């Protein structure tokens, strides 16, 4: 079945019409992305290990990302160097978010504050730690 999608660009007086027959597309700021191309927990963990190795963790604090049934990712800043793993241990701050939303935030396609305000991202524990995550994710 062909579907016509009309996108209106902010600040521009034009509309773009697209015809597609894919049900597995979702639209991002950078264009269409296949829904089925989500990263695995292992891929997200490897990516975060690289980022934390480059930028460090949050000193003396532990942050856990709970992917709502798809596993967890923990950044342990109490260790030197900071460690990234998939242990479901206690944390100073827990961020509850779907994996696809996390990917969008980490890639810069979505703003973490907007995701929080719209309820896509929830924080339990120390909100001050959550505010420092931009240095790691960005």
C-alpha atoms as a PDB file:
ATOM      1  CA  UNK A   1       0.000   0.000   0.000  1.00  0.00           C
ATOM      2  CA  UNK A   2       1.405   3.375  -0.974  1.00  0.00           C
ATOM      3  CA  UNK A   3       1.274   6.120   1.618  1.00  0.00           C
ATOM      4  CA  UNK A   4       1.664   9.820   1.018  1.00  0.00           C
ATOM      5  CA  UNK A   5       3.419  11.743   3.739  1.00  0.00           C
ATOM      6  CA  UNK A   6       3.396  15.520   3.843  1.00  0.00           C
ATOM      7  CA  UNK A   7       6.084  17.210   5.917  1.00  0.00           C
ATOM      8  CA  UNK A   8       5.955  20.885   6.792  1.00  0.00           C
ATOM      9  CA  UNK A   9       9.305  22.482   7.459  1.00  0.00           C
ATOM     10  CA  UNK A  10       9.493  24.961  10.334  1.00  0.00           C
ATOM     11  CA  UNK A  11      10.229  28.479   9.205  1.00  0.00           C
ATOM     12  CA  UNK A  12       9.802  27.605   5.557  1.00  0.00           C
ATOM     13  CA  UNK A  13       6.783  28.267   3.402  1.00  0.00           C
ATOM     14  CA  UNK A  14       6.899  24.940   1.619  1.00  0.00           C
ATOM     15  CA  UNK A  15       5.720  21.406   2.075  1.00  0.00           C
ATOM     16  CA  UNK A  16       7.443  18.251   0.930  1.00  0.00           C
ATOM     17  CA  UNK A  17       5.301  15.368  -0.236  1.00  0.00           C
ATOM     18  CA  UNK A  18       6.759  11.889  -0.191  1.00  0.00           C
ATOM     19  CA  UNK A  19       5.246   8.690  -1.445  1.00  0.00           C
ATOM     20  CA  UNK A  20       6.464   5.494   0.137  1.00  0.00           C
ATOM     21  CA  UNK A  21       5.312   1.958   0.680  1.00  0.00           C
ATOM     22  CA  UNK A  22       7.313   1.234   3.821  1.00  0.00           C
ATOM     23  CA  UNK A  23       5.529   0.790   7.143  1.00  0.00           C
ATOM     24  CA  UNK A  24       8.795   0.516   9.022  1.00  0.00           C
ATOM     25  CA  UNK A  25       9.953   4.119   8.544  1.00  0.00           C
ATOM     26  CA  UNK A  26      10.105   6.710  11.273  1.00  0.00           C
ATOM     27  CA  UNK A  27      11.147  10.286  10.661  1.00  0.00           C
ATOM     28  CA  UNK A  28      14.053  11.945  12.411  1.00  0.00           C
ATOM     29  CA  UNK A  29      15.596  15.398  12.003  1.00  0.00           C
ATOM     30  CA  UNK A  30      18.100  13.843   9.632  1.00  0.00           C
ATOM     31  CA  UNK A  31      15.500  12.091   7.473  1.00  0.00           C
ATOM     32  CA  UNK A  32      13.856   8.685   7.396  1.00  0.00           C
ATOM     33  CA  UNK A  33      15.208   5.882   9.547  1.00  0.00           C
ATOM     34  CA  UNK A  34      14.096   2.275   9.525  1.00  0.00           C
ATOM     35  CA  UNK A  35      12.465   1.279  12.805  1.00  0.00           C
ATOM     36  CA  UNK A  36      14.037  -2.163  12.675  1.00  0.00           C
ATOM     37  CA  UNK A  37      17.576  -0.777  12.701  1.00  0.00           C
ATOM     38  CA  UNK A  38      17.717  -0.304  16.462  1.00  0.00           C
ATOM     39  CA  UNK A  39      21.025  -0.980  18.135  1.00  0.00           C
ATOM     40  CA  UNK A  40      21.376  -3.986  20.404  1.00  0.00           C
ATOM     41  CA  UNK A  41      22.194  -3.584  24.086  1.00  0.00           C
ATOM     42  CA  UNK A  42      25.704  -4.856  23.351  1.00  0.00           C
ATOM     43  CA  UNK A  43      26.221  -2.215  20.629  1.00  0.00           C
ATOM     44  CA  UNK A  44      24.966   0.565  22.921  1.00  0.00           C
ATOM     45  CA  UNK A  45      27.249  -0.696  25.714  1.00  0.00           C
ATOM     46  CA  UNK A  46      30.292  -0.763  23.400  1.00  0.00           C
ATOM     47  CA  UNK A  47      29.524   2.758  22.177  1.00  0.00           C
ATOM     48  CA  UNK A  48      29.183   4.051  25.737  1.00  0.00           C
ATOM     49  CA  UNK A  49      32.424   2.308  26.789  1.00  0.00           C
ATOM     50  CA  UNK A  50      34.212   4.263  24.069  1.00  0.00           C
ATOM     51  CA  UNK A  51      32.584   7.558  25.094  1.00  0.00           C
ATOM     52  CA  UNK A  52      33.317   7.043  28.791  1.00  0.00           C
ATOM     53  CA  UNK A  53      36.925   6.053  27.996  1.00  0.00           C
ATOM     54  CA  UNK A  54      37.309   9.342  26.083  1.00  0.00           C
ATOM     55  CA  UNK A  55      35.328  11.681  28.348  1.00  0.00           C
ATOM     56  CA  UNK A  56      35.264   9.894  31.704  1.00  0.00           C
ATOM     57  CA  UNK A  57      32.283   9.203  33.935  1.00  0.00           C
ATOM     58  CA  UNK A  58      30.748  11.322  36.659  1.00  0.00           C
ATOM     59  CA  UNK A  59      33.306  11.164  39.469  1.00  0.00           C
ATOM     60  CA  UNK A  60      32.147   9.202  42.490  1.00  0.00           C
ATOM     61  CA  UNK A  61      28.657   8.569  41.093  1.00  0.00           C
ATOM     62  CA  UNK A  62      26.888   5.630  39.504  1.00  0.00           C
ATOM     63  CA  UNK A  63      24.307   6.140  36.749  1.00  0.00           C
ATOM     64  CA  UNK A  64      22.006   3.424  35.449  1.00  0.00           C
ATOM     65  CA  UNK A  65      20.016   3.569  32.218  1.00  0.00           C
ATOM     66  CA  UNK A  66      16.990   1.265  32.467  1.00  0.00           C
ATOM     67  CA  UNK A  67      15.775   0.364  28.975  1.00  0.00           C
ATOM     68  CA  UNK A  68      12.368  -0.854  30.209  1.00  0.00           C
ATOM     69  CA  UNK A  69      12.725  -4.602  29.800  1.00  0.00           C
ATOM     70  CA  UNK A  70      15.501  -4.419  27.181  1.00  0.00           C
ATOM     71  CA  UNK A  71      18.262  -4.466  29.804  1.00  0.00           C
ATOM     72  CA  UNK A  72      20.290  -1.879  31.670  1.00  0.00           C
ATOM     73  CA  UNK A  73      23.493   0.057  31.121  1.00  0.00           C
ATOM     74  CA  UNK A  74      25.472   1.229  34.137  1.00  0.00           C
ATOM     75  CA  UNK A  75      28.231   3.849  34.208  1.00  0.00           C
ATOM     76  CA  UNK A  76      30.212   3.407  37.432  1.00  0.00           C
ATOM     77  CA  UNK A  77      32.172   6.567  38.174  1.00  0.00           C
ATOM     78  CA  UNK A  78      33.257   5.263  41.599  1.00  0.00           C
ATOM     79  CA  UNK A  79      35.960   3.228  39.859  1.00  0.00           C
ATOM     80  CA  UNK A  80      39.069   4.618  38.218  1.00  0.00           C
ATOM     81  CA  UNK A  81      38.827   4.585  35.265  1.00  0.00           C
ATOM     82  CA  UNK A  82      35.023   4.709  35.078  1.00  0.00           C
ATOM     83  CA  UNK A  83      33.451   1.398  34.086  1.00  0.00           C
ATOM     84  CA  UNK A  84      30.500   0.686  31.777  1.00  0.00           C
ATOM     85  CA  UNK A  85      28.618  -2.598  32.165  1.00  0.00           C
ATOM     86  CA  UNK A  86      25.166  -4.166  32.085  1.00  0.00           C
ATOM     87  CA  UNK A  87      24.886  -4.929  35.818  1.00  0.00           C
ATOM     88  CA  UNK A  88      21.521  -4.096  37.366  1.00  0.00           C
ATOM     89  CA  UNK A  89      22.975  -2.728  40.598  1.00  0.00           C
ATOM     90  CA  UNK A  90      21.938   0.185  42.801  1.00  0.00           C
ATOM     91  CA  UNK A  91      22.756   3.594  41.361  1.00  0.00           C
ATOM     92  CA  UNK A  92      22.815   7.212  42.517  1.00  0.00           C
ATOM     93  CA  UNK A  93      20.687   8.118  39.497  1.00  0.00           C
ATOM     94  CA  UNK A  94      18.492   5.905  37.309  1.00  0.00           C
ATOM     95  CA  UNK A  95      17.328   7.104  33.904  1.00  0.00           C
ATOM     96  CA  UNK A  96      14.317   5.162  32.591  1.00  0.00           C
ATOM     97  CA  UNK A  97      14.130   5.433  28.804  1.00  0.00           C
ATOM     98  CA  UNK A  98      13.325   3.293  25.765  1.00  0.00           C
ATOM     99  CA  UNK A  99      16.368   2.200  23.740  1.00  0.00           C
ATOM    100  CA  UNK A 100      15.276   4.035  20.590  1.00  0.00           C
ATOM    101  CA  UNK A 101      14.825   7.287  22.526  1.00  0.00           C
ATOM    102  CA  UNK A 102      18.249   6.798  24.139  1.00  0.00           C
ATOM    103  CA  UNK A 103      19.776   6.288  20.668  1.00  0.00           C
ATOM    104  CA  UNK A 104      18.104   9.467  19.407  1.00  0.00           C
ATOM    105  CA  UNK A 105      19.446  11.453  22.350  1.00  0.00           C
ATOM    106  CA  UNK A 106      22.954   9.995  22.067  1.00  0.00           C
ATOM    107  CA  UNK A 107      23.079  10.740  18.317  1.00  0.00           C
ATOM    108  CA  UNK A 108      21.851  14.312  18.784  1.00  0.00           C
ATOM    109  CA  UNK A 109      18.558  13.757  16.956  1.00  0.00           C
ATOM    110  CA  UNK A 110      16.523  14.406  20.102  1.00  0.00           C
ATOM    111  CA  UNK A 111      17.026  16.789  23.006  1.00  0.00           C
ATOM    112  CA  UNK A 112      17.225  15.090  26.412  1.00  0.00           C
ATOM    113  CA  UNK A 113      15.403  17.936  28.166  1.00  0.00           C
ATOM    114  CA  UNK A 114      12.535  17.771  25.679  1.00  0.00           C
ATOM    115  CA  UNK A 115      12.393  13.978  26.092  1.00  0.00           C
ATOM    116  CA  UNK A 116      12.160  14.506  29.857  1.00  0.00           C
ATOM    117  CA  UNK A 117       9.452  17.169  29.535  1.00  0.00           C
ATOM    118  CA  UNK A 118       7.392  14.969  27.194  1.00  0.00           C
ATOM    119  CA  UNK A 119       7.664  11.952  29.514  1.00  0.00           C
ATOM    120  CA  UNK A 120       9.840   9.847  27.204  1.00  0.00           C
ATOM    121  CA  UNK A 121      12.630   9.939  29.782  1.00  0.00           C
ATOM    122  CA  UNK A 122      12.212   9.631  33.559  1.00  0.00           C
ATOM    123  CA  UNK A 123      14.797  10.215  36.274  1.00  0.00           C
ATOM    124  CA  UNK A 124      14.887   8.539  39.677  1.00  0.00           C
ATOM    125  CA  UNK A 125      17.403   9.625  42.287  1.00  0.00           C
ATOM    126  CA  UNK A 126      19.782  12.573  42.053  1.00  0.00           C
ATOM    127  CA  UNK A 127      18.580  14.930  39.307  1.00  0.00           C
ATOM    128  CA  UNK A 128      21.882  16.829  39.516  1.00  0.00           C
ATOM    129  CA  UNK A 129      23.690  13.746  38.201  1.00  0.00           C
ATOM    130  CA  UNK A 130      21.220  13.465  35.316  1.00  0.00           C
ATOM    131  CA  UNK A 131      22.002  17.088  34.382  1.00  0.00           C
ATOM    132  CA  UNK A 132      25.692  16.172  34.037  1.00  0.00           C
ATOM    133  CA  UNK A 133      25.030  13.372  31.552  1.00  0.00           C
ATOM    134  CA  UNK A 134      25.118  15.757  28.598  1.00  0.00           C
ATOM    135  CA  UNK A 135      28.919  15.802  28.812  1.00  0.00           C
ATOM    136  CA  UNK A 136      28.984  12.022  28.274  1.00  0.00           C
ATOM    137  CA  UNK A 137      26.138  11.669  25.788  1.00  0.00           C
ATOM    138  CA  UNK A 138      26.930  14.723  23.703  1.00  0.00           C
END
